[in-house]
PDB file of N, CA and C in Angstrom:
ATOM      1  N   MET A   1     -29.836 -75.222 -69.573  1.00  0.00           N
ATOM      2  CA  MET A   1     -31.224 -75.570 -69.393  1.00  0.00           C
ATOM      3  C   MET A   1     -31.997 -74.378 -68.859  1.00  0.00           C
ATOM      4  N   LYS A   2     -33.272 -74.407 -69.110  1.00  0.00           N
ATOM      5  CA  LYS A   2     -34.124 -73.329 -68.634  1.00  0.00           C
ATOM      6  C   LYS A   2     -35.233 -73.896 -67.758  1.00  0.00           C
ATOM      7  N   ARG A   3     -35.677 -73.066 -66.836  1.00  0.00           N
ATOM      8  CA  ARG A   3     -36.812 -73.434 -65.986  1.00  0.00           C
ATOM      9  C   ARG A   3     -38.097 -73.220 -66.765  1.00  0.00           C
ATOM     10  N   GLU A   4     -39.220 -73.642 -66.156  1.00  0.00           N
ATOM     11  CA  GLU A   4     -40.515 -73.479 -66.813  1.00  0.00           C
ATOM     12  C   GLU A   4     -40.847 -72.023 -67.086  1.00  0.00           C
ATOM     13  N   ASP A   5     -40.335 -71.111 -66.222  1.00  0.00           N
ATOM     14  CA  ASP A   5     -40.633 -69.693 -66.424  1.00  0.00           C
ATOM     15  C   ASP A   5     -39.695 -69.044 -67.441  1.00  0.00           C
ATOM     16  N   GLY A   6     -38.787 -69.827 -68.049  1.00  0.00           N
ATOM     17  CA  GLY A   6     -37.890 -69.310 -69.062  1.00  0.00           C
ATOM     18  C   GLY A   6     -36.551 -68.831 -68.543  1.00  0.00           C
ATOM     19  N   SER A   7     -36.405 -68.711 -67.216  1.00  0.00           N
ATOM     20  CA  SER A   7     -35.120 -68.266 -66.662  1.00  0.00           C
ATOM     21  C   SER A   7     -34.132 -69.431 -66.660  1.00  0.00           C
ATOM     22  N   PRO A   8     -32.843 -69.107 -66.757  1.00  0.00           N
ATOM     23  CA  PRO A   8     -31.853 -70.190 -66.776  1.00  0.00           C
ATOM     24  C   PRO A   8     -31.801 -70.888 -65.418  1.00  0.00           C
ATOM     25  N   SER A   9     -31.625 -72.196 -65.445  1.00  0.00           N
ATOM     26  CA  SER A   9     -31.502 -72.945 -64.194  1.00  0.00           C
ATOM     27  C   SER A   9     -30.053 -72.851 -63.709  1.00  0.00           C
ATOM     28  N   PRO A  10     -29.856 -72.907 -62.394  1.00  0.00           N
ATOM     29  CA  PRO A  10     -28.498 -72.817 -61.868  1.00  0.00           C
ATOM     30  C   PRO A  10     -27.664 -74.030 -62.274  1.00  0.00           C
ATOM     31  N   ALA A  11     -26.379 -73.832 -62.356  1.00  0.00           N
ATOM     32  CA  ALA A  11     -25.472 -74.929 -62.702  1.00  0.00           C
ATOM     33  C   ALA A  11     -25.490 -75.951 -61.576  1.00  0.00           C
ATOM     34  N   PRO A  12     -25.437 -77.230 -61.910  1.00  0.00           N
ATOM     35  CA  PRO A  12     -25.428 -78.247 -60.860  1.00  0.00           C
ATOM     36  C   PRO A  12     -24.137 -78.181 -60.044  1.00  0.00           C
ATOM     37  N   GLU A  13     -24.252 -78.512 -58.770  1.00  0.00           N
ATOM     38  CA  GLU A  13     -23.083 -78.551 -57.892  1.00  0.00           C
ATOM     39  C   GLU A  13     -22.199 -79.719 -58.306  1.00  0.00           C
ATOM     40  N   PRO A  14     -20.872 -79.510 -58.387  1.00  0.00           N
ATOM     41  CA  PRO A  14     -19.995 -80.640 -58.713  1.00  0.00           C
ATOM     42  C   PRO A  14     -20.014 -81.644 -57.561  1.00  0.00           C
ATOM     43  N   GLU A  15     -20.043 -82.917 -57.907  1.00  0.00           N
ATOM     44  CA  GLU A  15     -20.081 -83.964 -56.891  1.00  0.00           C
ATOM     45  C   GLU A  15     -18.685 -84.187 -56.320  1.00  0.00           C
ATOM     46  N   THR A  16     -18.607 -84.295 -54.997  1.00  0.00           N
ATOM     47  CA  THR A  16     -17.353 -84.646 -54.347  1.00  0.00           C
ATOM     48  C   THR A  16     -17.291 -86.164 -54.304  1.00  0.00           C
ATOM     49  N   PRO A  17     -16.219 -86.759 -54.825  1.00  0.00           N
ATOM     50  CA  PRO A  17     -16.145 -88.212 -54.828  1.00  0.00           C
ATOM     51  C   PRO A  17     -16.084 -88.769 -53.404  1.00  0.00           C
ATOM     52  N   ALA A  18     -16.528 -90.009 -53.245  1.00  0.00           N
ATOM     53  CA  ALA A  18     -16.451 -90.660 -51.936  1.00  0.00           C
ATOM     54  C   ALA A  18     -14.981 -90.833 -51.571  1.00  0.00           C
ATOM     55  N   LEU A  19     -14.630 -90.418 -50.378  1.00  0.00           N
ATOM     56  CA  LEU A  19     -13.233 -90.486 -49.951  1.00  0.00           C
ATOM     57  C   LEU A  19     -12.942 -91.813 -49.267  1.00  0.00           C
ATOM     58  N   PRO A  20     -11.795 -92.418 -49.573  1.00  0.00           N
ATOM     59  CA  PRO A  20     -11.442 -93.675 -48.925  1.00  0.00           C
ATOM     60  C   PRO A  20     -11.046 -93.441 -47.462  1.00  0.00           C
ATOM     61  N   THR A  21     -11.092 -94.486 -46.676  1.00  0.00           N
ATOM     62  CA  THR A  21     -10.629 -94.420 -45.292  1.00  0.00           C
ATOM     63  C   THR A  21      -9.125 -94.612 -45.296  1.00  0.00           C
ATOM     64  N   VAL A  22      -8.409 -93.622 -44.818  1.00  0.00           N
ATOM     65  CA  VAL A  22      -6.952 -93.734 -44.735  1.00  0.00           C
ATOM     66  C   VAL A  22      -6.526 -93.567 -43.281  1.00  0.00           C
ATOM     67  N   CYS A  23      -5.341 -94.035 -42.975  1.00  0.00           N
ATOM     68  CA  CYS A  23      -4.792 -93.933 -41.626  1.00  0.00           C
ATOM     69  C   CYS A  23      -4.697 -92.466 -41.215  1.00  0.00           C
ATOM     70  N   ARG A  24      -5.055 -92.174 -39.979  1.00  0.00           N
ATOM     71  CA  ARG A  24      -5.012 -90.782 -39.523  1.00  0.00           C
ATOM     72  C   ARG A  24      -3.577 -90.283 -39.365  1.00  0.00           C
ATOM     73  N   LEU A  25      -2.595 -91.178 -39.412  1.00  0.00           N
ATOM     74  CA  LEU A  25      -1.191 -90.773 -39.315  1.00  0.00           C
ATOM     75  C   LEU A  25      -0.565 -90.474 -40.676  1.00  0.00           C
ATOM     76  N   LEU A  26      -1.288 -90.726 -41.747  1.00  0.00           N
ATOM     77  CA  LEU A  26      -0.793 -90.408 -43.086  1.00  0.00           C
ATOM     78  C   LEU A  26      -0.886 -88.909 -43.298  1.00  0.00           C
ATOM     79  N   SER A  27       0.159 -88.321 -43.819  1.00  0.00           N
ATOM     80  CA  SER A  27       0.159 -86.881 -44.033  1.00  0.00           C
ATOM     81  C   SER A  27       0.799 -86.527 -45.364  1.00  0.00           C
ATOM     82  N   THR A  28       0.466 -85.339 -45.832  1.00  0.00           N
ATOM     83  CA  THR A  28       1.026 -84.756 -47.041  1.00  0.00           C
ATOM     84  C   THR A  28       0.830 -83.252 -46.946  1.00  0.00           C
ATOM     85  N   LYS A  29       1.573 -82.482 -47.691  1.00  0.00           N
ATOM     86  CA  LYS A  29       1.422 -81.026 -47.632  1.00  0.00           C
ATOM     87  C   LYS A  29       0.020 -80.581 -48.014  1.00  0.00           C
ATOM     88  N   THR A  30      -0.622 -81.301 -48.921  1.00  0.00           N
ATOM     89  CA  THR A  30      -1.945 -80.898 -49.376  1.00  0.00           C
ATOM     90  C   THR A  30      -3.057 -81.359 -48.434  1.00  0.00           C
ATOM     91  N   ALA A  31      -2.717 -81.947 -47.299  1.00  0.00           N
ATOM     92  CA  ALA A  31      -3.723 -82.433 -46.346  1.00  0.00           C
ATOM     93  C   ALA A  31      -4.319 -81.317 -45.509  1.00  0.00           C
ATOM     94  N   PHE A  32      -3.788 -80.118 -45.606  1.00  0.00           N
ATOM     95  CA  PHE A  32      -4.222 -79.045 -44.729  1.00  0.00           C
ATOM     96  C   PHE A  32      -5.203 -78.106 -45.416  1.00  0.00           C
ATOM     97  N   GLY A  33      -6.223 -78.672 -46.046  1.00  0.00           N
ATOM     98  CA  GLY A  33      -7.261 -77.889 -46.691  1.00  0.00           C
ATOM     99  C   GLY A  33      -8.435 -77.679 -45.756  1.00  0.00           C
ATOM    100  N   VAL A  34      -9.426 -76.954 -46.236  1.00  0.00           N
ATOM    101  CA  VAL A  34     -10.605 -76.666 -45.439  1.00  0.00           C
ATOM    102  C   VAL A  34     -11.810 -77.357 -46.056  1.00  0.00           C
ATOM    103  N   GLY A  35     -12.630 -78.001 -45.249  1.00  0.00           N
ATOM    104  CA  GLY A  35     -13.843 -78.645 -45.731  1.00  0.00           C
ATOM    105  C   GLY A  35     -13.557 -79.940 -46.468  1.00  0.00           C
ATOM    106  N   SER A  36     -14.603 -80.496 -47.069  1.00  0.00           N
ATOM    107  CA  SER A  36     -14.458 -81.789 -47.741  1.00  0.00           C
ATOM    108  C   SER A  36     -13.554 -81.702 -48.965  1.00  0.00           C
ATOM    109  N   ARG A  37     -13.520 -80.547 -49.638  1.00  0.00           N
ATOM    110  CA  ARG A  37     -12.630 -80.414 -50.800  1.00  0.00           C
ATOM    111  C   ARG A  37     -11.173 -80.489 -50.377  1.00  0.00           C
ATOM    112  N   GLY A  38     -10.877 -80.094 -49.141  1.00  0.00           N
ATOM    113  CA  GLY A  38      -9.513 -80.179 -48.637  1.00  0.00           C
ATOM    114  C   GLY A  38      -9.060 -81.604 -48.397  1.00  0.00           C
ATOM    115  N   ALA A  39      -9.989 -82.541 -48.377  1.00  0.00           N
ATOM    116  CA  ALA A  39      -9.653 -83.942 -48.141  1.00  0.00           C
ATOM    117  C   ALA A  39      -9.460 -84.718 -49.443  1.00  0.00           C
ATOM    118  N   LEU A  40      -9.505 -84.054 -50.576  1.00  0.00           N
ATOM    119  CA  LEU A  40      -9.355 -84.748 -51.854  1.00  0.00           C
ATOM    120  C   LEU A  40      -7.987 -85.401 -52.011  1.00  0.00           C
ATOM    121  N   TRP A  41      -7.009 -85.017 -51.215  1.00  0.00           N
ATOM    122  CA  TRP A  41      -5.693 -85.659 -51.263  1.00  0.00           C
ATOM    123  C   TRP A  41      -5.812 -87.152 -50.935  1.00  0.00           C
ATOM    124  N   LYS A  42      -6.870 -87.536 -50.206  1.00  0.00           N
ATOM    125  CA  LYS A  42      -7.043 -88.941 -49.826  1.00  0.00           C
ATOM    126  C   LYS A  42      -7.300 -89.847 -51.022  1.00  0.00           C
ATOM    127  N   LEU A  43      -7.643 -89.260 -52.160  1.00  0.00           N
ATOM    128  CA  LEU A  43      -7.853 -90.062 -53.361  1.00  0.00           C
ATOM    129  C   LEU A  43      -6.535 -90.553 -53.938  1.00  0.00           C
ATOM    130  N   GLY A  44      -5.426 -89.909 -53.580  1.00  0.00           N
ATOM    131  CA  GLY A  44      -4.113 -90.345 -54.044  1.00  0.00           C
ATOM    132  C   GLY A  44      -3.893 -90.163 -55.523  1.00  0.00           C
ATOM    133  N   GLU A  45      -4.540 -89.174 -56.125  1.00  0.00           N
ATOM    134  CA  GLU A  45      -4.450 -88.984 -57.569  1.00  0.00           C
ATOM    135  C   GLU A  45      -3.310 -88.071 -58.012  1.00  0.00           C
ATOM    136  N   SER A  46      -2.655 -87.399 -57.074  1.00  0.00           N
ATOM    137  CA  SER A  46      -1.570 -86.497 -57.444  1.00  0.00           C
ATOM    138  C   SER A  46      -0.332 -87.297 -57.858  1.00  0.00           C
ATOM    139  N   THR A  47       0.332 -86.828 -58.896  1.00  0.00           N
ATOM    140  CA  THR A  47       1.569 -87.478 -59.333  1.00  0.00           C
ATOM    141  C   THR A  47       2.795 -86.849 -58.688  1.00  0.00           C
ATOM    142  N   THR A  48       2.589 -85.763 -57.930  1.00  0.00           N
ATOM    143  CA  THR A  48       3.737 -85.069 -57.332  1.00  0.00           C
ATOM    144  C   THR A  48       3.689 -84.997 -55.806  1.00  0.00           C
ATOM    145  N   ALA A  49       2.612 -85.437 -55.185  1.00  0.00           N
ATOM    146  CA  ALA A  49       2.493 -85.335 -53.721  1.00  0.00           C
ATOM    147  C   ALA A  49       3.469 -86.285 -53.041  1.00  0.00           C
ATOM    148  N   ALA A  50       4.014 -85.820 -51.937  1.00  0.00           N
ATOM    149  CA  ALA A  50       4.877 -86.650 -51.092  1.00  0.00           C
ATOM    150  C   ALA A  50       4.098 -86.962 -49.817  1.00  0.00           C
ATOM    151  N   TYR A  51       4.075 -88.222 -49.421  1.00  0.00           N
ATOM    152  CA  TYR A  51       3.343 -88.664 -48.240  1.00  0.00           C
ATOM    153  C   TYR A  51       4.330 -89.152 -47.189  1.00  0.00           C
ATOM    154  N   TRP A  52       3.957 -88.992 -45.920  1.00  0.00           N
ATOM    155  CA  TRP A  52       4.776 -89.516 -44.830  1.00  0.00           C
ATOM    156  C   TRP A  52       3.888 -89.941 -43.688  1.00  0.00           C
ATOM    157  N   CYS A  53       4.466 -90.730 -42.799  1.00  0.00           N
ATOM    158  CA  CYS A  53       3.760 -91.241 -41.632  1.00  0.00           C
ATOM    159  C   CYS A  53       4.135 -90.385 -40.430  1.00  0.00           C
ATOM    160  N   LEU A  54       3.143 -89.943 -39.677  1.00  0.00           N
ATOM    161  CA  LEU A  54       3.418 -89.129 -38.497  1.00  0.00           C
ATOM    162  C   LEU A  54       4.010 -89.946 -37.351  1.00  0.00           C
ATOM    163  N   ALA A  55       3.907 -91.277 -37.416  1.00  0.00           N
ATOM    164  CA  ALA A  55       4.516 -92.126 -36.384  1.00  0.00           C
ATOM    165  C   ALA A  55       6.019 -92.247 -36.603  1.00  0.00           C
ATOM    166  N   THR A  56       6.443 -92.334 -37.861  1.00  0.00           N
ATOM    167  CA  THR A  56       7.866 -92.502 -38.170  1.00  0.00           C
ATOM    168  C   THR A  56       8.517 -91.230 -38.697  1.00  0.00           C
ATOM    169  N   MET A  57       7.688 -90.283 -39.167  1.00  0.00           N
ATOM    170  CA  MET A  57       8.166 -89.061 -39.828  1.00  0.00           C
ATOM    171  C   MET A  57       9.046 -89.397 -41.029  1.00  0.00           C
ATOM    172  N   GLU A  58       8.724 -90.487 -41.680  1.00  0.00           N
ATOM    173  CA  GLU A  58       9.432 -90.968 -42.868  1.00  0.00           C
ATOM    174  C   GLU A  58       8.396 -91.319 -43.939  1.00  0.00           C
ATOM    175  N   PRO A  59       8.842 -91.574 -45.181  1.00  0.00           N
ATOM    176  CA  PRO A  59       7.897 -91.937 -46.238  1.00  0.00           C
ATOM    177  C   PRO A  59       7.440 -93.397 -46.146  1.00  0.00           C
ATOM    178  N   PHE A  60       7.718 -94.039 -45.034  1.00  0.00           N
ATOM    179  CA  PHE A  60       7.267 -95.407 -44.792  1.00  0.00           C
ATOM    180  C   PHE A  60       6.739 -95.493 -43.365  1.00  0.00           C
ATOM    181  N   GLY A  61       5.843 -96.435 -43.146  1.00  0.00           N
ATOM    182  CA  GLY A  61       5.221 -96.585 -41.834  1.00  0.00           C
ATOM    183  C   GLY A  61       6.009 -97.501 -40.919  1.00  0.00           C
ATOM    184  N   PRO A  62       5.485 -97.763 -39.718  1.00  0.00           N
ATOM    185  CA  PRO A  62       6.148 -98.655 -38.761  1.00  0.00           C
ATOM    186  C   PRO A  62       6.335-100.076 -39.301  1.00  0.00           C
ATOM    187  N   ASP A  63       5.541-100.459 -40.300  1.00  0.00           N
ATOM    188  CA  ASP A  63       5.667-101.791 -40.904  1.00  0.00           C
ATOM    189  C   ASP A  63       6.627-101.810 -42.088  1.00  0.00           C
ATOM    190  N   ASP A  64       7.356-100.715 -42.293  1.00  0.00           N
ATOM    191  CA  ASP A  64       8.348-100.566 -43.368  1.00  0.00           C
ATOM    192  C   ASP A  64       7.754-100.550 -44.781  1.00  0.00           C
ATOM    193  N   SER A  65       6.448-100.363 -44.915  1.00  0.00           N
ATOM    194  CA  SER A  65       5.824-100.213 -46.231  1.00  0.00           C
ATOM    195  C   SER A  65       5.642 -98.731 -46.525  1.00  0.00           C
ATOM    196  N   PHE A  66       5.708 -98.383 -47.800  1.00  0.00           N
ATOM    197  CA  PHE A  66       5.620 -96.980 -48.188  1.00  0.00           C
ATOM    198  C   PHE A  66       4.248 -96.383 -47.921  1.00  0.00           C
ATOM    199  N   CYS A  67       4.238 -95.091 -47.665  1.00  0.00           N
ATOM    200  CA  CYS A  67       3.020 -94.347 -47.354  1.00  0.00           C
ATOM    201  C   CYS A  67       2.378 -93.816 -48.631  1.00  0.00           C
ATOM    202  N   HIS A  68       1.097 -94.046 -48.745  1.00  0.00           N
ATOM    203  CA  HIS A  68       0.300 -93.534 -49.860  1.00  0.00           C
ATOM    204  C   HIS A  68      -1.160 -93.788 -49.511  1.00  0.00           C
ATOM    205  N   PRO A  69      -2.074 -92.925 -49.936  1.00  0.00           N
ATOM    206  CA  PRO A  69      -3.489 -93.154 -49.640  1.00  0.00           C
ATOM    207  C   PRO A  69      -4.012 -94.508 -50.137  1.00  0.00           C
ATOM    208  N   HIS A  70      -3.418 -95.043 -51.198  1.00  0.00           N
ATOM    209  CA  HIS A  70      -3.869 -96.336 -51.715  1.00  0.00           C
ATOM    210  C   HIS A  70      -3.396 -97.495 -50.848  1.00  0.00           C
ATOM    211  N   THR A  71      -2.365 -97.289 -50.035  1.00  0.00           N
ATOM    212  CA  THR A  71      -1.823 -98.393 -49.238  1.00  0.00           C
ATOM    213  C   THR A  71      -2.030 -98.225 -47.732  1.00  0.00           C
ATOM    214  N   CYS A  72      -2.254 -97.011 -47.266  1.00  0.00           N
ATOM    215  CA  CYS A  72      -2.391 -96.764 -45.826  1.00  0.00           C
ATOM    216  C   CYS A  72      -3.851 -96.877 -45.398  1.00  0.00           C
ATOM    217  N   GLY A  73      -4.366 -98.080 -45.505  1.00  0.00           N
ATOM    218  CA  GLY A  73      -5.760 -98.334 -45.162  1.00  0.00           C
ATOM    219  C   GLY A  73      -5.882 -99.359 -44.049  1.00  0.00           C
ATOM    220  N   GLU A  74      -7.097 -99.832 -43.858  1.00  0.00           N
ATOM    221  CA  GLU A  74      -7.419-100.723 -42.749  1.00  0.00           C
ATOM    222  C   GLU A  74      -6.702-102.067 -42.805  1.00  0.00           C
ATOM    223  N   ARG A  75      -6.171-102.442 -43.944  1.00  0.00           N
ATOM    224  CA  ARG A  75      -5.478-103.735 -44.067  1.00  0.00           C
ATOM    225  C   ARG A  75      -4.088-103.733 -43.431  1.00  0.00           C
ATOM    226  N   ARG A  76      -3.527-102.571 -43.224  1.00  0.00           N
ATOM    227  CA  ARG A  76      -2.187-102.495 -42.633  1.00  0.00           C
ATOM    228  C   ARG A  76      -2.259-102.642 -41.124  1.00  0.00           C
ATOM    229  N   GLY A  77      -1.307-103.342 -40.566  1.00  0.00           N
ATOM    230  CA  GLY A  77      -1.277-103.582 -39.129  1.00  0.00           C
ATOM    231  C   GLY A  77      -1.078-102.326 -38.310  1.00  0.00           C
ATOM    232  N   CYS A  78      -0.471-101.308 -38.880  1.00  0.00           N
ATOM    233  CA  CYS A  78      -0.195-100.063 -38.154  1.00  0.00           C
ATOM    234  C   CYS A  78      -1.309 -99.030 -38.322  1.00  0.00           C
ATOM    235  N   PHE A  79      -2.393 -99.393 -39.043  1.00  0.00           N
ATOM    236  CA  PHE A  79      -3.493 -98.468 -39.324  1.00  0.00           C
ATOM    237  C   PHE A  79      -4.120 -97.944 -38.046  1.00  0.00           C
ATOM    238  N   GLN A  80      -4.367 -96.619 -38.033  1.00  0.00           N
ATOM    239  CA  GLN A  80      -5.103 -95.991 -36.935  1.00  0.00           C
ATOM    240  C   GLN A  80      -6.254 -95.225 -37.552  1.00  0.00           C
ATOM    241  N   GLY A  81      -7.465 -95.563 -37.126  1.00  0.00           N
ATOM    242  CA  GLY A  81      -8.664 -94.901 -37.639  1.00  0.00           C
ATOM    243  C   GLY A  81      -8.794 -93.493 -37.124  1.00  0.00           C
ATOM    244  N   SER A  82      -9.768 -92.773 -37.650  1.00  0.00           N
ATOM    245  CA  SER A  82      -9.974 -91.395 -37.240  1.00  0.00           C
ATOM    246  C   SER A  82     -10.564 -91.343 -35.830  1.00  0.00           C
ATOM    247  N   ASP A  83     -10.397 -90.219 -35.187  1.00  0.00           N
ATOM    248  CA  ASP A  83     -10.908 -90.046 -33.820  1.00  0.00           C
ATOM    249  C   ASP A  83     -12.345 -89.566 -33.807  1.00  0.00           C
ATOM    250  N   ASP A  84     -12.936 -89.210 -34.998  1.00  0.00           N
ATOM    251  CA  ASP A  84     -14.298 -88.690 -34.984  1.00  0.00           C
ATOM    252  C   ASP A  84     -15.318 -89.757 -34.971  1.00  0.00           C
TER     253      ASP A  84
END
């Protein structure tokens, strides 16, 4: 696209999807990013990521259910919200 003066308009910024609320004890190797793009692991879209609970240090939480961004939410009894 071009502006009214004929110069090219800048490319639009890519939208960051809304991130789900996940337990603050859920972890994965890709959780250590910087900024909002570093939190994209919370979408749970990776087919190779391994998740674990910081309370149990296992791939399952204190309630014996497996850890994953799709399951480690507010519905679980062991859920801990963020401190911010």
